[in-house]
Structure formats: structure tokens, C-alpha cells
Amino acid sequence: MDEIVTDVDLAQDAFRQCMLTVDEEIRRHIAEATRLGVAATPTLFVGELGDTRGTVRLRRRINGAASFETVKAAVEDVGRAKS
């Protein structure tokens, strides 16, 4: 990587600091995904608003690519449960 940075005339210290920042942000995203049970890409969460602060109560999680019918059924199930 250092060779590429030098070849394109980037400020090496600034580039390294940027990469460390991005690395830490990626680690935080991975930790949050793990906490939420994300096991595939994409993952779709279906829920309902919990309060006025914008929190969401998770009702369904769909890991991986899903058909329209699967997503529609999950949304309808959550809607029925709320009623």
C-alpha cells in the first residue's frame, strides 16, 4: 500500500490516519451487525416505530435475498400483530 500511496503522491501520514479511522468505523459496523444478528447480505429488518425518538421495535429479520412475497408477508404479519 505504501508504494501506491507514494506513486500517486498522497500525504502518507494523512492517508494512514484516514485508513485507521475507516478501519475503526468498519469494526463498529461489524460489531453492531453481529449484535443485531446480521448473518447475510442483504439483511432486511421489519419492525414498528417504538416512540417519538425514532426507535424501532424489531419484529422480523430476513437474512439474505428474499422474494417480494416473503417481504410482503413479513410486513403484513407485523401489521397484523400491531392491530
C-alpha atoms as a PDB file:
ATOM      1  CA  MET A   1       0.000   0.000   0.000  1.00  0.00           C
ATOM      2  CA  ASP A   2       2.848   2.399   0.822  1.00  0.00           C
ATOM      3  CA  GLU A   3       4.163   2.065  -2.717  1.00  0.00           C
ATOM      4  CA  ILE A   4       0.805   3.045  -4.195  1.00  0.00           C
ATOM      5  CA  VAL A   5       0.499   5.999  -1.811  1.00  0.00           C
ATOM      6  CA  THR A   6       3.940   7.193  -2.860  1.00  0.00           C
ATOM      7  CA  ASP A   7       3.283   6.596  -6.569  1.00  0.00           C
ATOM      8  CA  VAL A   8       0.186   8.787  -6.556  1.00  0.00           C
ATOM      9  CA  ASP A   9       1.855  11.392  -4.328  1.00  0.00           C
ATOM     10  CA  LEU A  10      -0.525  11.194  -1.351  1.00  0.00           C
ATOM     11  CA  ALA A  11       0.434  12.518   2.059  1.00  0.00           C
ATOM     12  CA  GLN A  12       1.403   9.237   3.720  1.00  0.00           C
ATOM     13  CA  ASP A  13       0.678  10.232   7.329  1.00  0.00           C
ATOM     14  CA  ALA A  14      -2.738  11.639   6.453  1.00  0.00           C
ATOM     15  CA  PHE A  15      -3.548   8.557   4.387  1.00  0.00           C
ATOM     16  CA  ARG A  16      -2.558   6.193   7.229  1.00  0.00           C
ATOM     17  CA  GLN A  17      -4.656   8.166   9.727  1.00  0.00           C
ATOM     18  CA  CYS A  18      -7.609   8.066   7.354  1.00  0.00           C
ATOM     19  CA  MET A  19      -7.247   4.307   6.929  1.00  0.00           C
ATOM     20  CA  LEU A  20      -7.138   3.816  10.724  1.00  0.00           C
ATOM     21  CA  THR A  21     -10.300   5.878  11.105  1.00  0.00           C
ATOM     22  CA  VAL A  22     -12.087   3.920   8.378  1.00  0.00           C
ATOM     23  CA  ASP A  23     -10.874   0.636   9.881  1.00  0.00           C
ATOM     24  CA  GLU A  24     -12.320   1.576  13.286  1.00  0.00           C
ATOM     25  CA  GLU A  25     -15.625   2.625  11.723  1.00  0.00           C
ATOM     26  CA  ILE A  26     -15.858  -0.687   9.871  1.00  0.00           C
ATOM     27  CA  ARG A  27     -15.178  -2.564  13.127  1.00  0.00           C
ATOM     28  CA  ARG A  28     -18.028  -0.655  14.834  1.00  0.00           C
ATOM     29  CA  HIS A  29     -20.387  -1.522  11.970  1.00  0.00           C
ATOM     30  CA  ILE A  30     -19.414  -5.192  12.149  1.00  0.00           C
ATOM     31  CA  ALA A  31     -19.978  -5.234  15.922  1.00  0.00           C
ATOM     32  CA  GLU A  32     -23.421  -3.659  15.508  1.00  0.00           C
ATOM     33  CA  ALA A  33     -24.346  -6.086  12.726  1.00  0.00           C
ATOM     34  CA  THR A  34     -23.282  -9.002  14.915  1.00  0.00           C
ATOM     35  CA  ARG A  35     -25.343  -7.655  17.827  1.00  0.00           C
ATOM     36  CA  LEU A  36     -28.377  -7.394  15.541  1.00  0.00           C
ATOM     37  CA  GLY A  37     -27.956 -10.921  14.205  1.00  0.00           C
ATOM     38  CA  VAL A  38     -26.987  -9.989  10.663  1.00  0.00           C
ATOM     39  CA  ALA A  39     -25.773 -13.189   9.031  1.00  0.00           C
ATOM     40  CA  ALA A  40     -26.023 -12.333   5.340  1.00  0.00           C
ATOM     41  CA  THR A  41     -26.116  -9.525   2.849  1.00  0.00           C
ATOM     42  CA  PRO A  42     -28.639  -8.166   2.366  1.00  0.00           C
ATOM     43  CA  THR A  43     -30.471  -8.309   5.680  1.00  0.00           C
ATOM     44  CA  LEU A  44     -33.864  -6.678   5.991  1.00  0.00           C
ATOM     45  CA  PHE A  45     -35.385  -5.634   9.310  1.00  0.00           C
ATOM     46  CA  VAL A  46     -39.147  -5.255   9.629  1.00  0.00           C
ATOM     47  CA  GLY A  47     -40.499  -3.545  12.694  1.00  0.00           C
ATOM     48  CA  GLU A  48     -42.598  -0.781  14.107  1.00  0.00           C
ATOM     49  CA  LEU A  49     -41.786   2.635  15.474  1.00  0.00           C
ATOM     50  CA  GLY A  50     -41.396   2.388  19.223  1.00  0.00           C
ATOM     51  CA  ASP A  51     -41.708   6.021  20.281  1.00  0.00           C
ATOM     52  CA  THR A  52     -41.274   9.606  19.186  1.00  0.00           C
ATOM     53  CA  ARG A  53     -37.458   9.369  19.402  1.00  0.00           C
ATOM     54  CA  GLY A  54     -37.411   7.207  16.277  1.00  0.00           C
ATOM     55  CA  THR A  55     -36.625   3.902  17.942  1.00  0.00           C
ATOM     56  CA  VAL A  56     -37.767   0.791  16.127  1.00  0.00           C
ATOM     57  CA  ARG A  57     -39.032  -2.401  17.697  1.00  0.00           C
ATOM     58  CA  LEU A  58     -37.666  -5.238  15.596  1.00  0.00           C
ATOM     59  CA  ARG A  59     -40.321  -7.830  14.725  1.00  0.00           C
ATOM     60  CA  ARG A  60     -38.769  -9.754  11.829  1.00  0.00           C
ATOM     61  CA  ARG A  61     -35.313 -10.170  10.363  1.00  0.00           C
ATOM     62  CA  ILE A  62     -34.857 -11.576   6.872  1.00  0.00           C
ATOM     63  CA  ASN A  63     -31.287 -12.706   6.153  1.00  0.00           C
ATOM     64  CA  GLY A  64     -30.231 -12.929   2.539  1.00  0.00           C
ATOM     65  CA  ALA A  65     -32.043 -12.151  -0.665  1.00  0.00           C
ATOM     66  CA  ALA A  66     -35.776 -12.586  -0.283  1.00  0.00           C
ATOM     67  CA  SER A  67     -38.633 -12.610  -2.717  1.00  0.00           C
ATOM     68  CA  PHE A  68     -41.202  -9.849  -2.787  1.00  0.00           C
ATOM     69  CA  GLU A  69     -43.729 -12.312  -1.404  1.00  0.00           C
ATOM     70  CA  THR A  70     -41.524 -13.075   1.611  1.00  0.00           C
ATOM     71  CA  VAL A  71     -41.017  -9.391   2.390  1.00  0.00           C
ATOM     72  CA  LYS A  72     -44.689  -8.622   1.865  1.00  0.00           C
ATOM     73  CA  ALA A  73     -45.715 -11.453   4.203  1.00  0.00           C
ATOM     74  CA  ALA A  74     -43.318 -10.214   6.909  1.00  0.00           C
ATOM     75  CA  VAL A  75     -44.657  -6.656   6.653  1.00  0.00           C
ATOM     76  CA  GLU A  76     -48.258  -7.886   6.749  1.00  0.00           C
ATOM     77  CA  ASP A  77     -47.529 -10.140   9.752  1.00  0.00           C
ATOM     78  CA  VAL A  78     -46.054  -7.231  11.671  1.00  0.00           C
ATOM     79  CA  GLY A  79     -49.023  -5.057  10.708  1.00  0.00           C
ATOM     80  CA  ARG A  80     -51.491  -7.706  11.914  1.00  0.00           C
ATOM     81  CA  ALA A  81     -49.616  -8.213  15.188  1.00  0.00           C
ATOM     82  CA  LYS A  82     -49.732  -4.497  15.890  1.00  0.00           C
ATOM     83  CA  SER A  83     -53.504  -4.246  15.317  1.00  0.00           C
END
